[in-house]
N, C-alpha and C. Protein backbone atom coordinates (compact mmCIF):
# COMPACT_ATOMS: atom_id res chain seq x y z
N GLY A 1 91.42 190.38 86.19
CA GLY A 1 90.84 189.29 86.93
C GLY A 1 91.00 187.97 86.24
N THR A 2 91.24 187.99 84.92
CA THR A 2 91.33 186.74 84.20
C THR A 2 92.51 185.91 84.63
N VAL A 3 93.63 186.57 85.00
CA VAL A 3 94.83 185.81 85.32
C VAL A 3 95.05 185.64 86.81
N THR A 4 94.20 186.21 87.65
CA THR A 4 94.38 186.13 89.09
C THR A 4 93.95 184.77 89.61
N GLY A 5 94.84 184.07 90.32
CA GLY A 5 94.50 182.79 90.92
C GLY A 5 94.48 181.65 89.95
N VAL A 6 94.79 181.90 88.68
CA VAL A 6 94.80 180.86 87.66
C VAL A 6 96.21 180.75 87.10
N GLN A 7 96.70 179.53 86.94
CA GLN A 7 98.01 179.37 86.33
C GLN A 7 97.91 179.72 84.85
N THR A 8 98.81 180.60 84.41
CA THR A 8 98.78 181.03 83.03
C THR A 8 100.16 180.90 82.42
N CYS A 9 100.21 180.94 81.09
CA CYS A 9 101.48 181.04 80.39
C CYS A 9 101.30 181.98 79.21
N ALA A 10 102.40 182.51 78.71
CA ALA A 10 102.37 183.45 77.60
C ALA A 10 102.91 182.78 76.34
N LEU A 11 102.31 183.14 75.19
CA LEU A 11 102.74 182.61 73.90
C LEU A 11 102.95 183.75 72.92
N PRO A 12 104.17 184.30 72.83
CA PRO A 12 104.41 185.25 71.75
C PRO A 12 104.57 184.50 70.44
N ILE A 13 103.99 185.02 69.37
CA ILE A 13 104.00 184.35 68.08
C ILE A 13 104.66 185.27 67.06
N SER A 14 105.71 184.80 66.41
CA SER A 14 106.38 185.58 65.39
C SER A 14 105.62 185.47 64.08
N ALA A 15 105.30 186.61 63.48
CA ALA A 15 104.58 186.63 62.21
C ALA A 15 104.91 187.92 61.48
N LEU A 16 104.71 187.91 60.16
CA LEU A 16 105.03 189.11 59.38
C LEU A 16 104.12 190.27 59.73
N ASP A 17 102.85 189.99 60.01
CA ASP A 17 101.88 191.04 60.34
C ASP A 17 101.23 190.67 61.67
N ALA A 18 101.81 191.15 62.77
CA ALA A 18 101.32 190.77 64.09
C ALA A 18 99.93 191.30 64.37
N VAL A 19 99.62 192.51 63.85
CA VAL A 19 98.30 193.10 64.09
C VAL A 19 97.22 192.25 63.43
N ALA A 20 97.44 191.89 62.17
CA ALA A 20 96.46 191.06 61.46
C ALA A 20 96.34 189.69 62.11
N LEU A 21 97.46 189.14 62.54
CA LEU A 21 97.41 187.83 63.19
C LEU A 21 96.63 187.90 64.50
N THR A 22 96.81 188.98 65.26
CA THR A 22 96.09 189.14 66.52
C THR A 22 94.58 189.19 66.28
N ARG A 23 94.17 189.90 65.23
CA ARG A 23 92.75 189.95 64.89
C ARG A 23 92.22 188.56 64.56
N ARG A 24 92.99 187.78 63.78
CA ARG A 24 92.54 186.44 63.42
C ARG A 24 92.46 185.54 64.65
N VAL A 25 93.43 185.68 65.54
CA VAL A 25 93.41 184.88 66.77
C VAL A 25 92.18 185.20 67.60
N ASN A 26 91.87 186.48 67.76
CA ASN A 26 90.70 186.87 68.56
C ASN A 26 89.40 186.38 67.93
N ARG A 27 89.31 186.45 66.60
CA ARG A 27 88.10 185.94 65.93
C ARG A 27 87.98 184.43 66.14
N LEU A 28 89.10 183.74 66.01
CA LEU A 28 89.09 182.29 66.21
C LEU A 28 88.74 181.94 67.65
N ALA A 29 89.26 182.70 68.61
CA ALA A 29 88.97 182.45 70.02
C ALA A 29 87.50 182.64 70.32
N ALA A 30 86.90 183.70 69.73
CA ALA A 30 85.47 183.96 69.95
C ALA A 30 84.63 182.83 69.37
N ARG A 31 85.03 182.35 68.19
CA ARG A 31 84.26 181.29 67.54
C ARG A 31 84.37 179.97 68.29
N GLU A 32 85.58 179.68 68.82
CA GLU A 32 85.82 178.40 69.47
C GLU A 32 85.53 178.43 70.97
N GLY A 33 85.30 179.63 71.52
CA GLY A 33 85.03 179.75 72.94
C GLY A 33 86.26 179.61 73.82
N TRP A 34 87.44 179.94 73.27
CA TRP A 34 88.67 179.86 74.05
C TRP A 34 88.74 180.99 75.07
N ARG A 35 89.20 180.68 76.26
CA ARG A 35 89.38 181.70 77.30
C ARG A 35 90.83 182.16 77.27
N ILE A 36 91.10 183.06 76.34
CA ILE A 36 92.45 183.59 76.18
C ILE A 36 92.38 185.10 76.03
N MET A 37 93.53 185.74 76.21
CA MET A 37 93.68 187.16 75.89
C MET A 37 94.78 187.27 74.85
N ALA A 38 94.50 187.96 73.76
CA ALA A 38 95.48 188.12 72.69
C ALA A 38 95.63 189.60 72.36
N GLY A 39 96.86 190.03 72.17
CA GLY A 39 97.12 191.41 71.80
C GLY A 39 98.45 191.53 71.08
N GLU A 40 98.65 192.66 70.39
CA GLU A 40 99.91 192.90 69.69
C GLU A 40 100.86 193.63 70.62
N PHE A 41 102.11 193.15 70.71
CA PHE A 41 103.10 193.75 71.60
C PHE A 41 104.48 193.65 70.96
N VAL A 42 105.12 194.78 70.77
CA VAL A 42 106.44 194.89 70.14
C VAL A 42 106.59 193.97 68.92
N GLY A 43 105.62 194.05 68.02
CA GLY A 43 105.72 193.33 66.76
C GLY A 43 105.38 191.86 66.81
N GLN A 44 104.79 191.42 67.91
CA GLN A 44 104.39 190.03 68.01
C GLN A 44 102.94 189.94 68.49
N CYS A 45 102.27 188.86 68.10
CA CYS A 45 100.97 188.53 68.68
C CYS A 45 101.25 187.75 69.96
N VAL A 46 100.78 188.28 71.10
CA VAL A 46 101.03 187.63 72.38
C VAL A 46 99.72 187.14 72.97
N ILE A 47 99.69 185.87 73.33
CA ILE A 47 98.50 185.25 73.91
C ILE A 47 98.79 184.89 75.36
N VAL A 48 97.86 185.20 76.23
CA VAL A 48 97.92 184.75 77.63
C VAL A 48 96.75 183.79 77.83
N CYS A 49 97.04 182.60 78.31
CA CYS A 49 96.00 181.59 78.45
C CYS A 49 96.24 180.74 79.69
N ALA A 50 95.21 180.05 80.11
CA ALA A 50 95.31 179.15 81.26
C ALA A 50 96.19 177.96 80.89
N SER A 51 96.86 177.42 81.90
CA SER A 51 97.73 176.26 81.67
C SER A 51 97.85 175.45 82.94
N GLY A 52 98.13 174.16 82.77
CA GLY A 52 98.47 173.31 83.90
C GLY A 52 99.88 173.58 84.36
N PRO A 53 100.36 172.86 85.39
CA PRO A 53 101.71 173.09 85.91
C PRO A 53 102.81 172.95 84.87
N ASP A 54 102.62 172.06 83.90
CA ASP A 54 103.61 171.84 82.85
C ASP A 54 102.95 172.12 81.49
N PRO A 55 103.21 173.29 80.90
CA PRO A 55 102.57 173.62 79.62
C PRO A 55 102.85 172.61 78.52
N ARG A 56 103.97 171.90 78.60
CA ARG A 56 104.31 170.92 77.56
C ARG A 56 103.36 169.74 77.56
N ARG A 57 102.69 169.51 78.69
CA ARG A 57 101.82 168.34 78.82
C ARG A 57 100.37 168.73 79.08
N ASP A 58 100.05 169.99 78.85
CA ASP A 58 98.69 170.46 79.06
C ASP A 58 97.87 170.21 77.79
N ALA A 59 96.85 169.36 77.89
CA ALA A 59 96.09 168.94 76.71
C ALA A 59 95.39 170.11 76.04
N ASP A 60 94.76 170.99 76.82
CA ASP A 60 94.05 172.13 76.23
C ASP A 60 95.02 173.06 75.51
N LEU A 61 96.17 173.31 76.11
CA LEU A 61 97.16 174.18 75.49
C LEU A 61 97.71 173.55 74.21
N THR A 62 97.91 172.25 74.22
CA THR A 62 98.39 171.55 73.03
C THR A 62 97.40 171.70 71.89
N ARG A 63 96.09 171.57 72.20
CA ARG A 63 95.07 171.73 71.16
C ARG A 63 95.03 173.17 70.66
N LEU A 64 95.20 174.13 71.56
CA LEU A 64 95.22 175.54 71.17
C LEU A 64 96.37 175.81 70.19
N ILE A 65 97.55 175.33 70.52
CA ILE A 65 98.72 175.56 69.66
C ILE A 65 98.53 174.91 68.31
N ALA A 66 97.97 173.69 68.29
CA ALA A 66 97.74 172.99 67.03
C ALA A 66 96.76 173.77 66.16
N ALA A 67 95.72 174.31 66.78
CA ALA A 67 94.74 175.10 66.02
C ALA A 67 95.37 176.37 65.47
N LEU A 68 96.19 177.02 66.28
CA LEU A 68 96.86 178.23 65.81
C LEU A 68 97.76 177.93 64.62
N ALA A 69 98.51 176.84 64.72
CA ALA A 69 99.45 176.49 63.66
C ALA A 69 98.74 176.10 62.36
N GLU A 70 97.60 175.43 62.48
CA GLU A 70 96.92 174.91 61.30
C GLU A 70 95.86 175.85 60.73
N VAL A 71 95.21 176.62 61.59
CA VAL A 71 94.09 177.44 61.14
C VAL A 71 94.50 178.89 60.92
N VAL A 72 95.27 179.44 61.84
CA VAL A 72 95.60 180.86 61.76
C VAL A 72 96.59 181.14 60.65
N GLU A 73 97.66 180.34 60.57
CA GLU A 73 98.68 180.56 59.56
C GLU A 73 99.03 179.23 58.87
N PRO A 74 98.08 178.65 58.14
CA PRO A 74 98.33 177.32 57.58
C PRO A 74 99.45 177.26 56.55
N LYS A 75 99.78 178.40 55.90
CA LYS A 75 100.80 178.38 54.85
C LYS A 75 102.10 179.05 55.28
N THR A 76 102.20 179.37 56.56
CA THR A 76 103.37 180.07 57.06
C THR A 76 104.04 179.26 58.15
N ALA A 77 105.37 179.34 58.21
CA ALA A 77 106.11 178.64 59.27
C ALA A 77 105.95 179.42 60.58
N LEU A 78 104.84 179.17 61.23
CA LEU A 78 104.52 179.86 62.48
C LEU A 78 105.49 179.42 63.56
N ARG A 79 106.01 180.38 64.33
CA ARG A 79 106.92 180.07 65.43
C ARG A 79 106.33 180.62 66.72
N ILE A 80 106.16 179.72 67.71
CA ILE A 80 105.48 180.07 68.95
C ILE A 80 106.41 179.79 70.12
N GLY A 81 106.54 180.76 71.01
CA GLY A 81 107.26 180.55 72.26
C GLY A 81 106.26 180.31 73.37
N VAL A 82 106.57 179.39 74.27
CA VAL A 82 105.67 179.05 75.38
C VAL A 82 106.43 179.19 76.69
N SER A 83 105.91 180.02 77.59
CA SER A 83 106.58 180.26 78.87
C SER A 83 106.30 179.13 79.85
N ALA A 84 106.93 179.22 81.02
CA ALA A 84 106.54 178.37 82.14
C ALA A 84 105.21 178.87 82.69
N ALA A 85 104.50 178.02 83.42
CA ALA A 85 103.24 178.42 84.03
C ALA A 85 103.49 179.16 85.33
N GLY A 86 102.59 180.07 85.67
CA GLY A 86 102.70 180.82 86.92
C GLY A 86 101.37 181.44 87.28
N ARG A 87 101.30 182.04 88.45
CA ARG A 87 100.04 182.61 88.94
C ARG A 87 100.12 184.12 89.09
N GLY A 88 98.96 184.76 88.88
CA GLY A 88 98.82 186.17 89.19
C GLY A 88 99.21 187.09 88.04
N PRO A 89 98.69 188.33 88.05
CA PRO A 89 99.00 189.30 87.00
C PRO A 89 100.49 189.58 86.89
N GLY A 90 101.21 189.51 88.02
CA GLY A 90 102.64 189.80 88.00
C GLY A 90 103.44 188.80 87.18
N HIS A 91 102.86 187.65 86.93
CA HIS A 91 103.59 186.62 86.18
C HIS A 91 103.59 186.91 84.69
N VAL A 92 102.66 187.73 84.21
CA VAL A 92 102.49 187.90 82.77
C VAL A 92 103.74 188.45 82.11
N LEU A 93 104.34 189.50 82.67
CA LEU A 93 105.54 190.07 82.07
C LEU A 93 106.70 189.07 82.11
N THR A 94 106.82 188.36 83.23
CA THR A 94 107.86 187.33 83.33
C THR A 94 107.63 186.25 82.28
N ALA A 95 106.38 185.84 82.13
CA ALA A 95 106.04 184.79 81.17
C ALA A 95 106.36 185.24 79.75
N TYR A 96 106.04 186.49 79.44
CA TYR A 96 106.36 186.99 78.10
C TYR A 96 107.86 186.94 77.84
N ALA A 97 108.65 187.39 78.82
CA ALA A 97 110.11 187.39 78.67
C ALA A 97 110.64 185.97 78.49
N GLN A 98 110.09 185.01 79.24
CA GLN A 98 110.53 183.63 79.12
C GLN A 98 110.25 183.08 77.72
N ALA A 99 109.04 183.30 77.23
CA ALA A 99 108.67 182.77 75.92
C ALA A 99 109.44 183.47 74.80
N ARG A 100 109.64 184.77 74.94
CA ARG A 100 110.44 185.52 73.95
C ARG A 100 111.87 184.98 73.91
N ASP A 101 112.44 184.74 75.08
CA ASP A 101 113.81 184.21 75.14
C ASP A 101 113.88 182.81 74.54
N ALA A 102 112.86 182.00 74.76
CA ALA A 102 112.84 180.65 74.19
C ALA A 102 112.86 180.71 72.67
N LEU A 103 112.10 181.64 72.09
CA LEU A 103 112.09 181.81 70.64
C LEU A 103 113.46 182.25 70.14
N PHE A 104 114.06 183.21 70.84
CA PHE A 104 115.35 183.74 70.42
C PHE A 104 116.42 182.66 70.48
N ILE A 105 116.45 181.90 71.57
CA ILE A 105 117.46 180.86 71.74
C ILE A 105 117.31 179.80 70.66
N ALA A 106 116.08 179.39 70.35
CA ALA A 106 115.86 178.39 69.31
C ALA A 106 116.37 178.89 67.96
N SER A 107 116.14 180.16 67.66
CA SER A 107 116.59 180.71 66.38
C SER A 107 118.12 180.81 66.32
N ARG A 108 118.75 181.19 67.43
CA ARG A 108 120.20 181.33 67.44
C ARG A 108 120.90 179.97 67.38
N LEU A 109 120.26 178.93 67.89
CA LEU A 109 120.86 177.61 67.87
C LEU A 109 120.70 176.91 66.52
N GLY A 110 120.15 177.64 65.56
CA GLY A 110 120.00 177.06 64.23
C GLY A 110 118.96 175.98 64.17
N GLN A 111 117.80 176.26 64.77
CA GLN A 111 116.71 175.28 64.80
C GLN A 111 115.49 175.83 64.06
N PRO A 112 115.60 176.06 62.74
CA PRO A 112 114.47 176.63 62.00
C PRO A 112 113.25 175.72 61.99
N GLU A 113 113.49 174.41 62.24
CA GLU A 113 112.36 173.47 62.23
C GLU A 113 111.56 173.53 63.52
N THR A 114 112.07 174.24 64.52
CA THR A 114 111.38 174.33 65.80
C THR A 114 110.21 175.31 65.70
N ARG A 115 109.01 174.77 65.62
CA ARG A 115 107.83 175.63 65.53
C ARG A 115 107.37 176.09 66.90
N ILE A 116 107.60 175.25 67.92
CA ILE A 116 107.16 175.58 69.27
C ILE A 116 108.37 175.48 70.20
N ALA A 117 108.73 176.59 70.81
CA ALA A 117 109.88 176.63 71.71
C ALA A 117 109.38 176.77 73.14
N TYR A 118 109.57 175.74 73.95
CA TYR A 118 109.11 175.75 75.34
C TYR A 118 110.23 176.23 76.26
N PHE A 119 109.93 177.20 77.09
CA PHE A 119 110.90 177.68 78.07
C PHE A 119 111.35 176.55 78.99
N ASP A 120 110.43 175.68 79.36
CA ASP A 120 110.75 174.59 80.29
C ASP A 120 111.71 173.57 79.69
N ASP A 121 111.94 173.62 78.37
CA ASP A 121 112.87 172.70 77.73
C ASP A 121 114.30 173.26 77.67
N LEU A 122 114.49 174.51 78.02
CA LEU A 122 115.79 175.15 77.79
C LEU A 122 116.89 174.62 78.70
N GLY A 123 116.58 174.39 79.97
CA GLY A 123 117.59 173.88 80.89
C GLY A 123 118.84 174.74 80.94
N TYR A 124 120.01 174.12 80.76
CA TYR A 124 121.28 174.84 80.88
C TYR A 124 121.45 175.91 79.81
N LEU A 125 120.71 175.77 78.69
CA LEU A 125 120.83 176.78 77.62
C LEU A 125 120.37 178.15 78.11
N TYR A 126 119.38 178.17 78.98
CA TYR A 126 118.93 179.46 79.51
C TYR A 126 119.97 180.05 80.46
N THR A 127 120.64 179.18 81.21
CA THR A 127 121.72 179.64 82.08
C THR A 127 122.84 180.28 81.26
N LEU A 128 123.20 179.65 80.14
CA LEU A 128 124.22 180.21 79.26
C LEU A 128 123.75 181.54 78.66
N PHE A 129 122.49 181.59 78.28
CA PHE A 129 121.94 182.81 77.70
C PHE A 129 121.99 183.95 78.70
N ARG A 130 121.64 183.67 79.94
CA ARG A 130 121.65 184.70 80.98
C ARG A 130 123.09 185.12 81.34
N ALA A 131 124.05 184.23 81.10
CA ALA A 131 125.44 184.58 81.38
C ALA A 131 125.93 185.69 80.46
N GLY A 132 125.35 185.77 79.26
CA GLY A 132 125.64 186.88 78.37
C GLY A 132 126.91 186.73 77.55
N ARG A 133 127.16 187.75 76.74
CA ARG A 133 128.30 187.75 75.82
C ARG A 133 129.64 187.60 76.54
N ALA A 134 129.73 188.07 77.78
CA ALA A 134 130.98 187.97 78.52
C ALA A 134 131.43 186.52 78.68
N ALA A 135 130.46 185.61 78.80
CA ALA A 135 130.80 184.19 78.93
C ALA A 135 131.44 183.66 77.66
N LEU A 136 131.02 184.17 76.51
CA LEU A 136 131.64 183.78 75.25
C LEU A 136 133.08 184.25 75.20
N ASP A 137 133.30 185.51 75.54
CA ASP A 137 134.63 186.09 75.46
C ASP A 137 135.62 185.41 76.42
N ALA A 138 135.10 184.90 77.54
CA ALA A 138 135.98 184.30 78.55
C ALA A 138 136.23 182.81 78.34
N ASN A 139 135.48 182.19 77.41
CA ASN A 139 135.60 180.73 77.25
C ASN A 139 136.85 180.38 76.45
N PRO A 140 137.71 179.52 76.98
CA PRO A 140 138.98 179.21 76.31
C PRO A 140 138.84 178.39 75.03
N TYR A 141 137.67 177.78 74.81
CA TYR A 141 137.49 176.97 73.61
C TYR A 141 137.04 177.78 72.40
N ILE A 142 136.64 179.02 72.60
CA ILE A 142 136.08 179.81 71.51
C ILE A 142 137.07 180.06 70.37
N PRO A 143 138.33 180.40 70.64
CA PRO A 143 139.25 180.61 69.51
C PRO A 143 139.36 179.40 68.58
N MET A 144 139.42 178.18 69.15
CA MET A 144 139.51 177.00 68.29
C MET A 144 138.21 176.77 67.51
N LEU A 145 137.07 177.14 68.12
CA LEU A 145 135.80 177.00 67.41
C LEU A 145 135.72 177.99 66.25
N ARG A 146 136.29 179.17 66.45
CA ARG A 146 136.32 180.15 65.35
C ARG A 146 137.16 179.61 64.19
N ARG A 147 138.29 178.98 64.51
CA ARG A 147 139.11 178.38 63.45
C ARG A 147 138.33 177.29 62.73
N LEU A 148 137.63 176.49 63.51
CA LEU A 148 136.87 175.38 62.94
C LEU A 148 135.74 175.88 62.04
N SER A 149 135.04 176.92 62.48
CA SER A 149 133.92 177.44 61.69
C SER A 149 134.39 178.09 60.39
N GLY A 150 135.67 178.49 60.35
CA GLY A 150 136.20 179.12 59.15
C GLY A 150 136.82 178.14 58.16
N GLU A 151 136.83 176.86 58.51
CA GLU A 151 137.42 175.85 57.62
C GLU A 151 136.55 175.67 56.37
N PRO A 152 137.15 175.66 55.18
CA PRO A 152 136.37 175.43 53.95
C PRO A 152 136.02 173.95 53.81
N GLY A 153 135.10 173.69 52.90
CA GLY A 153 134.74 172.30 52.61
C GLY A 153 133.72 171.75 53.59
N ALA A 154 134.02 170.56 54.12
CA ALA A 154 133.10 169.87 55.02
C ALA A 154 132.76 170.75 56.23
N ASP A 155 131.52 170.67 56.67
CA ASP A 155 131.07 171.48 57.81
C ASP A 155 131.58 170.84 59.10
N LEU A 156 132.81 171.14 59.44
CA LEU A 156 133.41 170.53 60.62
C LEU A 156 132.78 171.04 61.91
N PHE A 157 132.40 172.30 61.92
CA PHE A 157 131.78 172.86 63.12
C PHE A 157 130.48 172.12 63.43
N ARG A 158 129.64 171.97 62.42
CA ARG A 158 128.37 171.27 62.61
C ARG A 158 128.60 169.81 62.98
N THR A 159 129.60 169.19 62.39
CA THR A 159 129.91 167.80 62.72
C THR A 159 130.29 167.67 64.19
N LEU A 160 131.13 168.58 64.67
CA LEU A 160 131.52 168.55 66.08
C LEU A 160 130.32 168.78 66.98
N GLU A 161 129.46 169.72 66.61
CA GLU A 161 128.29 170.02 67.43
C GLU A 161 127.39 168.80 67.57
N VAL A 162 127.11 168.14 66.47
CA VAL A 162 126.24 166.95 66.52
C VAL A 162 126.92 165.83 67.31
N PHE A 163 128.23 165.71 67.16
CA PHE A 163 128.97 164.66 67.86
C PHE A 163 128.90 164.84 69.37
N VAL A 164 129.14 166.05 69.86
CA VAL A 164 129.11 166.26 71.32
C VAL A 164 127.67 166.23 71.84
N ASP A 165 126.72 166.70 71.03
CA ASP A 165 125.31 166.64 71.45
C ASP A 165 124.82 165.19 71.52
N SER A 166 125.46 164.31 70.77
CA SER A 166 125.09 162.89 70.75
C SER A 166 125.88 162.08 71.77
N GLY A 167 126.57 162.78 72.67
CA GLY A 167 127.31 162.09 73.71
C GLY A 167 128.52 161.34 73.21
N GLY A 168 129.06 161.75 72.06
CA GLY A 168 130.23 161.08 71.51
C GLY A 168 129.90 159.80 70.76
N SER A 169 128.64 159.59 70.42
CA SER A 169 128.24 158.39 69.69
C SER A 169 128.46 158.59 68.19
N GLY A 170 129.39 157.82 67.61
CA GLY A 170 129.64 157.92 66.19
C GLY A 170 128.46 157.44 65.36
N VAL A 171 127.81 156.38 65.82
CA VAL A 171 126.66 155.83 65.09
C VAL A 171 125.55 156.86 65.00
N ARG A 172 125.21 157.47 66.14
CA ARG A 172 124.14 158.46 66.16
C ARG A 172 124.51 159.69 65.34
N THR A 173 125.76 160.13 65.43
CA THR A 173 126.20 161.31 64.69
C THR A 173 126.11 161.09 63.19
N ALA A 174 126.58 159.93 62.73
CA ALA A 174 126.52 159.61 61.30
C ALA A 174 125.07 159.56 60.81
N GLU A 175 124.18 159.01 61.63
CA GLU A 175 122.77 158.96 61.26
C GLU A 175 122.18 160.36 61.12
N LEU A 176 122.45 161.21 62.10
CA LEU A 176 121.88 162.56 62.08
C LEU A 176 122.43 163.40 60.93
N LEU A 177 123.69 163.18 60.57
CA LEU A 177 124.30 163.95 59.49
C LEU A 177 124.11 163.28 58.13
N SER A 178 123.57 162.07 58.14
CA SER A 178 123.35 161.30 56.89
C SER A 178 124.65 161.11 56.13
N ILE A 179 125.69 160.70 56.85
CA ILE A 179 126.99 160.42 56.22
C ILE A 179 127.47 159.05 56.65
N HIS A 180 128.43 158.50 55.91
CA HIS A 180 129.00 157.19 56.24
C HIS A 180 129.94 157.33 57.43
N ARG A 181 130.08 156.25 58.17
CA ARG A 181 130.96 156.28 59.33
C ARG A 181 132.39 156.65 58.96
N SER A 182 132.86 156.18 57.82
CA SER A 182 134.23 156.51 57.41
C SER A 182 134.38 158.01 57.16
N THR A 183 133.34 158.63 56.61
CA THR A 183 133.36 160.07 56.39
C THR A 183 133.39 160.80 57.73
N LEU A 184 132.59 160.31 58.68
CA LEU A 184 132.58 160.92 60.01
C LEU A 184 133.95 160.78 60.67
N ASN A 185 134.55 159.60 60.59
CA ASN A 185 135.86 159.39 61.22
C ASN A 185 136.90 160.33 60.63
N TYR A 186 136.84 160.54 59.32
CA TYR A 186 137.78 161.46 58.67
C TYR A 186 137.58 162.87 59.20
N ARG A 187 136.33 163.29 59.32
CA ARG A 187 136.04 164.64 59.82
C ARG A 187 136.50 164.80 61.27
N LEU A 188 136.26 163.79 62.08
CA LEU A 188 136.67 163.87 63.49
C LEU A 188 138.19 163.95 63.61
N GLU A 189 138.90 163.25 62.73
CA GLU A 189 140.36 163.33 62.73
C GLU A 189 140.82 164.75 62.37
N ARG A 190 140.15 165.35 61.39
CA ARG A 190 140.49 166.73 61.01
C ARG A 190 140.19 167.70 62.15
N ILE A 191 139.07 167.48 62.81
CA ILE A 191 138.69 168.35 63.93
C ILE A 191 139.73 168.27 65.04
N ALA A 192 140.14 167.04 65.36
CA ALA A 192 141.13 166.86 66.41
C ALA A 192 142.46 167.51 66.03
N ALA A 193 142.83 167.43 64.74
CA ALA A 193 144.09 168.02 64.29
C ALA A 193 144.04 169.55 64.36
N ILE A 194 142.89 170.12 64.02
CA ILE A 194 142.76 171.58 64.00
C ILE A 194 142.66 172.15 65.41
N THR A 195 141.92 171.45 66.27
CA THR A 195 141.66 171.99 67.62
C THR A 195 142.66 171.52 68.65
N GLY A 196 143.27 170.35 68.43
CA GLY A 196 144.20 169.81 69.40
C GLY A 196 143.54 169.22 70.63
N VAL A 197 142.23 168.92 70.57
CA VAL A 197 141.52 168.38 71.73
C VAL A 197 141.33 166.87 71.58
N ASP A 198 141.14 166.21 72.71
CA ASP A 198 140.90 164.77 72.75
C ASP A 198 139.39 164.54 72.80
N LEU A 199 138.82 164.15 71.68
CA LEU A 199 137.37 163.98 71.59
C LEU A 199 136.88 162.71 72.28
N THR A 200 137.80 161.85 72.74
CA THR A 200 137.38 160.65 73.47
C THR A 200 137.16 160.94 74.95
N ASP A 201 137.57 162.12 75.40
CA ASP A 201 137.44 162.48 76.81
C ASP A 201 136.06 163.08 77.09
N PRO A 202 135.26 162.49 77.97
CA PRO A 202 133.90 163.00 78.24
C PRO A 202 133.88 164.44 78.74
N ASP A 203 134.80 164.80 79.62
CA ASP A 203 134.83 166.17 80.14
C ASP A 203 135.12 167.17 79.03
N THR A 204 136.01 166.80 78.12
CA THR A 204 136.32 167.68 76.99
C THR A 204 135.09 167.87 76.12
N ARG A 205 134.34 166.79 75.90
CA ARG A 205 133.13 166.92 75.06
C ARG A 205 132.10 167.83 75.72
N ILE A 206 131.95 167.74 77.03
CA ILE A 206 131.03 168.62 77.75
C ILE A 206 131.47 170.07 77.63
N ASN A 207 132.76 170.31 77.81
CA ASN A 207 133.27 171.67 77.69
C ASN A 207 133.06 172.22 76.28
N LEU A 208 133.26 171.37 75.29
CA LEU A 208 133.04 171.78 73.91
C LEU A 208 131.56 172.06 73.65
N GLN A 209 130.69 171.24 74.22
CA GLN A 209 129.26 171.45 74.04
C GLN A 209 128.84 172.80 74.58
N VAL A 210 129.31 173.14 75.78
CA VAL A 210 128.99 174.44 76.36
C VAL A 210 129.53 175.57 75.49
N ALA A 211 130.77 175.43 75.03
CA ALA A 211 131.40 176.47 74.22
C ALA A 211 130.66 176.64 72.89
N ILE A 212 130.24 175.54 72.29
CA ILE A 212 129.51 175.62 71.02
C ILE A 212 128.19 176.35 71.19
N LYS A 213 127.47 176.07 72.29
CA LYS A 213 126.19 176.76 72.51
C LYS A 213 126.41 178.24 72.75
N LEU A 214 127.47 178.59 73.49
CA LEU A 214 127.80 180.01 73.68
C LEU A 214 128.11 180.66 72.32
N PHE A 215 128.84 179.94 71.49
CA PHE A 215 129.17 180.45 70.17
C PHE A 215 127.91 180.68 69.35
N ARG A 216 127.01 179.73 69.39
CA ARG A 216 125.73 179.86 68.66
C ARG A 216 124.93 181.06 69.18
N LEU A 217 124.91 181.23 70.49
CA LEU A 217 124.08 182.27 71.09
C LEU A 217 124.61 183.66 70.85
N PHE A 218 125.94 183.83 70.88
CA PHE A 218 126.48 185.19 70.95
C PHE A 218 127.48 185.57 69.86
N ALA A 219 128.02 184.61 69.12
CA ALA A 219 129.00 184.99 68.10
C ALA A 219 128.30 185.74 66.98
N PRO A 220 128.93 186.78 66.44
CA PRO A 220 128.30 187.55 65.36
C PRO A 220 128.09 186.71 64.11
């Protein structure tokens, strides 16, 4: 009855000891008067709680997550997945899968600093994830990315990823990588020589961006 007629979202939390964490969450919820359900499921502490239409902008949910991060595991890099909001008991399993996938995608994309992974932020990344490993194998840019990732010395793969994610902005890329523009230009020249692609072409950058995310998600 708790989830019937109320918009809810699921928050699986990765922790070394999910059972102990679940106990701490329940004690904290009882003390603070939170209306949540917490339990251990496949090695994670999973919380089901009320939410507004957009969990990213729900004030109560934001306070709950902050309390969990600071009080429950203050010395641990707590990682929380947050599903989209939905109604009814049938949404709970869907919500768990969404939040679990958000955590997995954040980890595969090399985002260790991401403490909270929102399903609603995934956008096209979830579409790529659902496409599966077959999309990686069929993408024509993957062989050149494998060559790039195997290059010694400067991290050319990461440089290319930041460059296409920044919309081809050299200034923004250099800032994010904390390198001089001349260093970036040298790396981009090497990338172009190795891959044979035209990095000034917007469509090529989009295709590379998609291929890089597929590589991050599914390459061994």
